[in-house]
Amino acid sequence: LPERTGALVQSVIPQRPAEIGGLRRGDLVINADGYEIRDPKSLLMKVENAQIGKPFELEVLRNNKEINLSIKPAAFPGIG
């Protein structure tokens, strides 16, 4: 299999936007909101700048298939 760059999802918090939007442990995020993801740091930067309530589009590689997900960011409980 060809090697791909991206950010490997190590875990997903239950009942939070990522899980609700379909993201799974083991997914390789290759694109976030139209920007190529080359490493975990680039994904983290995009997530930190995502607007709460505005759809955040992800392209992931799962089982050798590219899948498009739409995640609706929300405030993390306890953070104001």
PDB file of N, CA and C in Angstrom:
ATOM      1  N   LEU A   1       0.829  -1.191   0.000  1.00  0.00           N
ATOM      2  CA  LEU A   1       0.000   0.000   0.000  1.00  0.00           C
ATOM      3  C   LEU A   1       0.869   1.250   0.000  1.00  0.00           C
ATOM      4  N   PRO A   2       0.452   2.281  -0.713  1.00  0.00           N
ATOM      5  CA  PRO A   2       1.235   3.521  -0.706  1.00  0.00           C
ATOM      6  C   PRO A   2       1.147   4.200   0.660  1.00  0.00           C
ATOM      7  N   GLU A   3       2.233   4.846   1.045  1.00  0.00           N
ATOM      8  CA  GLU A   3       2.249   5.564   2.315  1.00  0.00           C
ATOM      9  C   GLU A   3       1.532   6.892   2.136  1.00  0.00           C
ATOM     10  N   ARG A   4       0.749   7.285   3.143  1.00  0.00           N
ATOM     11  CA  ARG A   4       0.000   8.537   3.082  1.00  0.00           C
ATOM     12  C   ARG A   4       0.396   9.428   4.245  1.00  0.00           C
ATOM     13  N   THR A   5       0.357  10.719   4.011  1.00  0.00           N
ATOM     14  CA  THR A   5       0.563  11.651   5.116  1.00  0.00           C
ATOM     15  C   THR A   5      -0.803  12.021   5.671  1.00  0.00           C
ATOM     16  N   GLY A   6      -0.815  12.442   6.910  1.00  0.00           N
ATOM     17  CA  GLY A   6      -2.057  12.828   7.550  1.00  0.00           C
ATOM     18  C   GLY A   6      -1.892  12.746   9.047  1.00  0.00           C
ATOM     19  N   ALA A   7      -3.014  12.731   9.736  1.00  0.00           N
ATOM     20  CA  ALA A   7      -3.029  12.639  11.197  1.00  0.00           C
ATOM     21  C   ALA A   7      -3.874  11.430  11.579  1.00  0.00           C
ATOM     22  N   LEU A   8      -3.256  10.472  12.249  1.00  0.00           N
ATOM     23  CA  LEU A   8      -3.941   9.265  12.668  1.00  0.00           C
ATOM     24  C   LEU A   8      -4.739   9.547  13.942  1.00  0.00           C
ATOM     25  N   VAL A   9      -6.004   9.186  13.934  1.00  0.00           N
ATOM     26  CA  VAL A   9      -6.870   9.395  15.094  1.00  0.00           C
ATOM     27  C   VAL A   9      -6.604   8.275  16.095  1.00  0.00           C
ATOM     28  N   GLN A  10      -6.110   8.653  17.271  1.00  0.00           N
ATOM     29  CA  GLN A  10      -5.793   7.688  18.315  1.00  0.00           C
ATOM     30  C   GLN A  10      -6.997   7.371  19.194  1.00  0.00           C
ATOM     31  N   SER A  11      -7.851   8.373  19.418  1.00  0.00           N
ATOM     32  CA  SER A  11      -9.052   8.159  20.228  1.00  0.00           C
ATOM     33  C   SER A  11     -10.082   9.233  19.885  1.00  0.00           C
ATOM     34  N   VAL A  12     -11.325   8.921  20.188  1.00  0.00           N
ATOM     35  CA  VAL A  12     -12.433   9.839  19.952  1.00  0.00           C
ATOM     36  C   VAL A  12     -13.256   9.880  21.240  1.00  0.00           C
ATOM     37  N   ILE A  13     -13.542  11.075  21.725  1.00  0.00           N
ATOM     38  CA  ILE A  13     -14.295  11.220  22.966  1.00  0.00           C
ATOM     39  C   ILE A  13     -15.763  10.856  22.707  1.00  0.00           C
ATOM     40  N   PRO A  14     -16.289   9.914  23.492  1.00  0.00           N
ATOM     41  CA  PRO A  14     -17.689   9.494  23.291  1.00  0.00           C
ATOM     42  C   PRO A  14     -18.672  10.659  23.451  1.00  0.00           C
ATOM     43  N   GLN A  15     -19.699  10.634  22.615  1.00  0.00           N
ATOM     44  CA  GLN A  15     -20.799  11.602  22.657  1.00  0.00           C
ATOM     45  C   GLN A  15     -20.373  13.047  22.429  1.00  0.00           C
ATOM     46  N   ARG A  16     -19.231  13.257  21.797  1.00  0.00           N
ATOM     47  CA  ARG A  16     -18.769  14.607  21.463  1.00  0.00           C
ATOM     48  C   ARG A  16     -18.865  14.770  19.937  1.00  0.00           C
ATOM     49  N   PRO A  17     -18.715  15.987  19.407  1.00  0.00           N
ATOM     50  CA  PRO A  17     -18.931  16.239  17.986  1.00  0.00           C
ATOM     51  C   PRO A  17     -18.174  15.320  17.024  1.00  0.00           C
ATOM     52  N   ALA A  18     -16.926  14.990  17.322  1.00  0.00           N
ATOM     53  CA  ALA A  18     -16.167  14.138  16.395  1.00  0.00           C
ATOM     54  C   ALA A  18     -16.819  12.766  16.252  1.00  0.00           C
ATOM     55  N   GLU A  19     -17.191  12.164  17.382  1.00  0.00           N
ATOM     56  CA  GLU A  19     -17.838  10.846  17.322  1.00  0.00           C
ATOM     57  C   GLU A  19     -19.208  10.953  16.660  1.00  0.00           C
ATOM     58  N   ILE A  20     -19.964  11.970  17.040  1.00  0.00           N
ATOM     59  CA  ILE A  20     -21.295  12.169  16.460  1.00  0.00           C
ATOM     60  C   ILE A  20     -21.196  12.361  14.940  1.00  0.00           C
ATOM     61  N   GLY A  21     -20.141  13.043  14.489  1.00  0.00           N
ATOM     62  CA  GLY A  21     -19.939  13.282  13.066  1.00  0.00           C
ATOM     63  C   GLY A  21     -19.386  12.090  12.304  1.00  0.00           C
ATOM     64  N   GLY A  22     -19.039  11.017  13.017  1.00  0.00           N
ATOM     65  CA  GLY A  22     -18.614   9.797  12.339  1.00  0.00           C
ATOM     66  C   GLY A  22     -17.127   9.486  12.394  1.00  0.00           C
ATOM     67  N   LEU A  23     -16.328  10.319  13.046  1.00  0.00           N
ATOM     68  CA  LEU A  23     -14.893  10.063  13.144  1.00  0.00           C
ATOM     69  C   LEU A  23     -14.655   8.850  14.046  1.00  0.00           C
ATOM     70  N   ARG A  24     -13.708   7.994  13.653  1.00  0.00           N
ATOM     71  CA  ARG A  24     -13.428   6.773  14.401  1.00  0.00           C
ATOM     72  C   ARG A  24     -11.937   6.642  14.697  1.00  0.00           C
ATOM     73  N   ARG A  25     -11.634   5.921  15.763  1.00  0.00           N
ATOM     74  CA  ARG A  25     -10.251   5.586  16.087  1.00  0.00           C
ATOM     75  C   ARG A  25      -9.673   4.818  14.896  1.00  0.00           C
ATOM     76  N   GLY A  26      -8.476   5.181  14.479  1.00  0.00           N
ATOM     77  CA  GLY A  26      -7.844   4.519  13.347  1.00  0.00           C
ATOM     78  C   GLY A  26      -8.009   5.245  12.025  1.00  0.00           C
ATOM     79  N   ASP A  27      -8.907   6.234  11.977  1.00  0.00           N
ATOM     80  CA  ASP A  27      -9.047   7.032  10.750  1.00  0.00           C
ATOM     81  C   ASP A  27      -7.772   7.848  10.534  1.00  0.00           C
ATOM     82  N   LEU A  28      -7.414   8.053   9.282  1.00  0.00           N
ATOM     83  CA  LEU A  28      -6.299   8.926   8.936  1.00  0.00           C
ATOM     84  C   LEU A  28      -6.892  10.182   8.308  1.00  0.00           C
ATOM     85  N   VAL A  29      -6.790  11.302   9.011  1.00  0.00           N
ATOM     86  CA  VAL A  29      -7.330  12.567   8.497  1.00  0.00           C
ATOM     87  C   VAL A  29      -6.340  13.109   7.474  1.00  0.00           C
ATOM     88  N   ILE A  30      -6.804  13.302   6.239  1.00  0.00           N
ATOM     89  CA  ILE A  30      -5.924  13.767   5.168  1.00  0.00           C
ATOM     90  C   ILE A  30      -6.280  15.173   4.681  1.00  0.00           C
ATOM     91  N   ASN A  31      -7.467  15.654   5.063  1.00  0.00           N
ATOM     92  CA  ASN A  31      -7.887  16.980   4.652  1.00  0.00           C
ATOM     93  C   ASN A  31      -8.863  17.521   5.688  1.00  0.00           C
ATOM     94  N   ALA A  32      -8.703  18.797   6.052  1.00  0.00           N
ATOM     95  CA  ALA A  32      -9.607  19.433   7.008  1.00  0.00           C
ATOM     96  C   ALA A  32      -9.988  20.807   6.486  1.00  0.00           C
ATOM     97  N   ASP A  33     -11.262  20.996   6.250  1.00  0.00           N
ATOM     98  CA  ASP A  33     -11.798  22.261   5.752  1.00  0.00           C
ATOM     99  C   ASP A  33     -11.058  22.767   4.511  1.00  0.00           C
ATOM    100  N   GLY A  34     -10.716  21.856   3.624  1.00  0.00           N
ATOM    101  CA  GLY A  34     -10.085  22.227   2.362  1.00  0.00           C
ATOM    102  C   GLY A  34      -8.569  22.327   2.398  1.00  0.00           C
ATOM    103  N   TYR A  35      -7.961  22.017   3.540  1.00  0.00           N
ATOM    104  CA  TYR A  35      -6.505  22.089   3.664  1.00  0.00           C
ATOM    105  C   TYR A  35      -5.919  20.698   3.860  1.00  0.00           C
ATOM    106  N   GLU A  36      -4.880  20.405   3.099  1.00  0.00           N
ATOM    107  CA  GLU A  36      -4.209  19.117   3.230  1.00  0.00           C
ATOM    108  C   GLU A  36      -3.585  18.997   4.620  1.00  0.00           C
ATOM    109  N   ILE A  37      -3.804  17.861   5.244  1.00  0.00           N
ATOM    110  CA  ILE A  37      -3.235  17.591   6.560  1.00  0.00           C
ATOM    111  C   ILE A  37      -2.030  16.681   6.364  1.00  0.00           C
ATOM    112  N   ARG A  38      -0.871  17.165   6.809  1.00  0.00           N
ATOM    113  CA  ARG A  38       0.366  16.399   6.645  1.00  0.00           C
ATOM    114  C   ARG A  38       0.813  15.712   7.925  1.00  0.00           C
ATOM    115  N   ASP A  39       0.322  16.226   9.080  1.00  0.00           N
ATOM    116  CA  ASP A  39       0.758  15.685  10.367  1.00  0.00           C
ATOM    117  C   ASP A  39      -0.246  16.099  11.440  1.00  0.00           C
ATOM    118  N   PRO A  40      -0.142  15.510  12.636  1.00  0.00           N
ATOM    119  CA  PRO A  40      -1.094  15.861  13.699  1.00  0.00           C
ATOM    120  C   PRO A  40      -1.096  17.349  14.058  1.00  0.00           C
ATOM    121  N   LYS A  41       0.052  18.002  14.013  1.00  0.00           N
ATOM    122  CA  LYS A  41       0.122  19.426  14.362  1.00  0.00           C
ATOM    123  C   LYS A  41      -0.734  20.267  13.418  1.00  0.00           C
ATOM    124  N   SER A  42      -0.695  19.970  12.124  1.00  0.00           N
ATOM    125  CA  SER A  42      -1.492  20.756  11.175  1.00  0.00           C
ATOM    126  C   SER A  42      -2.984  20.537  11.400  1.00  0.00           C
ATOM    127  N   LEU A  43      -3.390  19.325  11.801  1.00  0.00           N
ATOM    128  CA  LEU A  43      -4.799  19.076  12.116  1.00  0.00           C
ATOM    129  C   LEU A  43      -5.196  19.834  13.377  1.00  0.00           C
ATOM    130  N   LEU A  44      -4.362  19.792  14.389  1.00  0.00           N
ATOM    131  CA  LEU A  44      -4.654  20.481  15.642  1.00  0.00           C
ATOM    132  C   LEU A  44      -4.854  21.977  15.401  1.00  0.00           C
ATOM    133  N   MET A  45      -4.031  22.570  14.559  1.00  0.00           N
ATOM    134  CA  MET A  45      -4.169  23.996  14.252  1.00  0.00           C
ATOM    135  C   MET A  45      -5.518  24.283  13.597  1.00  0.00           C
ATOM    136  N   LYS A  46      -5.931  23.434  12.668  1.00  0.00           N
ATOM    137  CA  LYS A  46      -7.226  23.632  11.999  1.00  0.00           C
ATOM    138  C   LYS A  46      -8.384  23.458  12.986  1.00  0.00           C
ATOM    139  N   VAL A  47      -8.297  22.458  13.860  1.00  0.00           N
ATOM    140  CA  VAL A  47      -9.364  22.216  14.836  1.00  0.00           C
ATOM    141  C   VAL A  47      -9.470  23.385  15.810  1.00  0.00           C
ATOM    142  N   GLU A  48      -8.341  23.885  16.266  1.00  0.00           N
ATOM    143  CA  GLU A  48      -8.349  25.003  17.207  1.00  0.00           C
ATOM    144  C   GLU A  48      -8.965  26.265  16.602  1.00  0.00           C
ATOM    145  N   ASN A  49      -8.881  26.411  15.288  1.00  0.00           N
ATOM    146  CA  ASN A  49      -9.426  27.589  14.614  1.00  0.00           C
ATOM    147  C   ASN A  49     -10.833  27.370  14.057  1.00  0.00           C
ATOM    148  N   ALA A  50     -11.383  26.171  14.265  1.00  0.00           N
ATOM    149  CA  ALA A  50     -12.736  25.884  13.772  1.00  0.00           C
ATOM    150  C   ALA A  50     -13.755  26.729  14.530  1.00  0.00           C
ATOM    151  N   GLN A  51     -14.785  27.147  13.838  1.00  0.00           N
ATOM    152  CA  GLN A  51     -15.825  27.968  14.452  1.00  0.00           C
ATOM    153  C   GLN A  51     -16.912  27.077  15.041  1.00  0.00           C
ATOM    154  N   ILE A  52     -17.260  27.347  16.287  1.00  0.00           N
ATOM    155  CA  ILE A  52     -18.301  26.580  16.959  1.00  0.00           C
ATOM    156  C   ILE A  52     -19.602  26.716  16.180  1.00  0.00           C
ATOM    157  N   GLY A  53     -20.230  25.578  15.922  1.00  0.00           N
ATOM    158  CA  GLY A  53     -21.510  25.550  15.227  1.00  0.00           C
ATOM    159  C   GLY A  53     -21.425  25.556  13.711  1.00  0.00           C
ATOM    160  N   LYS A  54     -20.260  25.886  13.147  1.00  0.00           N
ATOM    161  CA  LYS A  54     -20.094  25.907  11.691  1.00  0.00           C
ATOM    162  C   LYS A  54     -19.544  24.552  11.240  1.00  0.00           C
ATOM    163  N   PRO A  55     -20.148  23.920  10.236  1.00  0.00           N
ATOM    164  CA  PRO A  55     -19.657  22.613   9.801  1.00  0.00           C
ATOM    165  C   PRO A  55     -18.159  22.637   9.492  1.00  0.00           C
ATOM    166  N   PHE A  56     -17.477  21.613   9.973  1.00  0.00           N
ATOM    167  CA  PHE A  56     -16.037  21.434   9.798  1.00  0.00           C
ATOM    168  C   PHE A  56     -15.867  20.161   8.982  1.00  0.00           C
ATOM    169  N   GLU A  57     -15.446  20.334   7.737  1.00  0.00           N
ATOM    170  CA  GLU A  57     -15.377  19.210   6.802  1.00  0.00           C
ATOM    171  C   GLU A  57     -14.047  18.468   6.928  1.00  0.00           C
ATOM    172  N   LEU A  58     -14.128  17.151   7.037  1.00  0.00           N
ATOM    173  CA  LEU A  58     -12.938  16.302   7.093  1.00  0.00           C
ATOM    174  C   LEU A  58     -12.982  15.273   5.991  1.00  0.00           C
ATOM    175  N   GLU A  59     -11.811  14.969   5.463  1.00  0.00           N
ATOM    176  CA  GLU A  59     -11.662  13.846   4.550  1.00  0.00           C
ATOM    177  C   GLU A  59     -10.737  12.867   5.251  1.00  0.00           C
ATOM    178  N   VAL A  60     -11.212  11.644   5.417  1.00  0.00           N
ATOM    179  CA  VAL A  60     -10.421  10.639   6.131  1.00  0.00           C
ATOM    180  C   VAL A  60     -10.231   9.412   5.263  1.00  0.00           C
ATOM    181  N   LEU A  61      -9.182   8.695   5.567  1.00  0.00           N
ATOM    182  CA  LEU A  61      -8.916   7.413   4.926  1.00  0.00           C
ATOM    183  C   LEU A  61      -9.260   6.336   5.943  1.00  0.00           C
ATOM    184  N   ARG A  62     -10.203   5.477   5.595  1.00  0.00           N
ATOM    185  CA  ARG A  62     -10.654   4.390   6.470  1.00  0.00           C
ATOM    186  C   ARG A  62     -10.775   3.129   5.627  1.00  0.00           C
ATOM    187  N   ASN A  63     -10.049   2.089   6.021  1.00  0.00           N
ATOM    188  CA  ASN A  63     -10.082   0.824   5.282  1.00  0.00           C
ATOM    189  C   ASN A  63      -9.790   1.035   3.795  1.00  0.00           C
ATOM    190  N   ASN A  64      -8.782   1.865   3.522  1.00  0.00           N
ATOM    191  CA  ASN A  64      -8.322   2.162   2.153  1.00  0.00           C
ATOM    192  C   ASN A  64      -9.363   2.891   1.301  1.00  0.00           C
ATOM    193  N   LYS A  65     -10.362   3.508   1.943  1.00  0.00           N
ATOM    194  CA  LYS A  65     -11.373   4.284   1.224  1.00  0.00           C
ATOM    195  C   LYS A  65     -11.385   5.696   1.777  1.00  0.00           C
ATOM    196  N   GLU A  66     -11.517   6.674   0.886  1.00  0.00           N
ATOM    197  CA  GLU A  66     -11.636   8.067   1.316  1.00  0.00           C
ATOM    198  C   GLU A  66     -13.091   8.350   1.643  1.00  0.00           C
ATOM    199  N   ILE A  67     -13.300   8.928   2.828  1.00  0.00           N
ATOM    200  CA  ILE A  67     -14.641   9.211   3.328  1.00  0.00           C
ATOM    201  C   ILE A  67     -14.709  10.683   3.722  1.00  0.00           C
ATOM    202  N   ASN A  68     -15.801  11.344   3.374  1.00  0.00           N
ATOM    203  CA  ASN A  68     -16.019  12.736   3.759  1.00  0.00           C
ATOM    204  C   ASN A  68     -16.949  12.781   4.966  1.00  0.00           C
ATOM    205  N   LEU A  69     -16.545  13.547   5.976  1.00  0.00           N
ATOM    206  CA  LEU A  69     -17.331  13.721   7.189  1.00  0.00           C
ATOM    207  C   LEU A  69     -17.574  15.203   7.421  1.00  0.00           C
ATOM    208  N   SER A  70     -18.690  15.511   8.036  1.00  0.00           N
ATOM    209  CA  SER A  70     -18.983  16.882   8.428  1.00  0.00           C
ATOM    210  C   SER A  70     -19.219  16.886   9.932  1.00  0.00           C
ATOM    211  N   ILE A  71     -18.387  17.624  10.644  1.00  0.00           N
ATOM    212  CA  ILE A  71     -18.440  17.673  12.097  1.00  0.00           C
ATOM    213  C   ILE A  71     -18.868  19.083  12.499  1.00  0.00           C
ATOM    214  N   LYS A  72     -19.760  19.157  13.480  1.00  0.00           N
ATOM    215  CA  LYS A  72     -20.239  20.449  13.966  1.00  0.00           C
ATOM    216  C   LYS A  72     -19.564  20.747  15.300  1.00  0.00           C
ATOM    217  N   PRO A  73     -18.486  21.558  15.311  1.00  0.00           N
ATOM    218  CA  PRO A  73     -17.771  21.854  16.541  1.00  0.00           C
ATOM    219  C   PRO A  73     -18.679  22.469  17.605  1.00  0.00           C
ATOM    220  N   ALA A  74     -18.388  22.107  18.854  1.00  0.00           N
ATOM    221  CA  ALA A  74     -19.125  22.639  20.002  1.00  0.00           C
ATOM    222  C   ALA A  74     -18.133  22.978  21.090  1.00  0.00           C
ATOM    223  N   ALA A  75     -18.542  23.857  21.990  1.00  0.00           N
ATOM    224  CA  ALA A  75     -17.679  24.204  23.126  1.00  0.00           C
ATOM    225  C   ALA A  75     -17.487  22.975  23.998  1.00  0.00           C
ATOM    226  N   PHE A  76     -16.276  22.816  24.530  1.00  0.00           N
ATOM    227  CA  PHE A  76     -16.003  21.689  25.403  1.00  0.00           C
ATOM    228  C   PHE A  76     -16.590  22.000  26.772  1.00  0.00           C
ATOM    229  N   PRO A  77     -17.333  21.068  27.364  1.00  0.00           N
ATOM    230  CA  PRO A  77     -17.954  21.336  28.670  1.00  0.00           C
ATOM    231  C   PRO A  77     -16.919  21.780  29.701  1.00  0.00           C
ATOM    232  N   GLY A  78     -17.265  22.806  30.460  1.00  0.00           N
ATOM    233  CA  GLY A  78     -16.377  23.283  31.514  1.00  0.00           C
ATOM    234  C   GLY A  78     -15.377  24.331  31.078  1.00  0.00           C
ATOM    235  N   ILE A  79     -15.358  24.623  29.762  1.00  0.00           N
ATOM    236  CA  ILE A  79     -14.447  25.655  29.246  1.00  0.00           C
ATOM    237  C   ILE A  79     -15.310  26.823  28.781  1.00  0.00           C
ATOM    238  N   GLY A  80     -15.071  27.985  29.340  1.00  0.00           N
ATOM    239  CA  GLY A  80     -15.922  29.117  29.021  1.00  0.00           C
ATOM    240  C   GLY A  80     -15.321  30.153  28.208  1.00  0.00           C
TER     241      GLY A  80
END
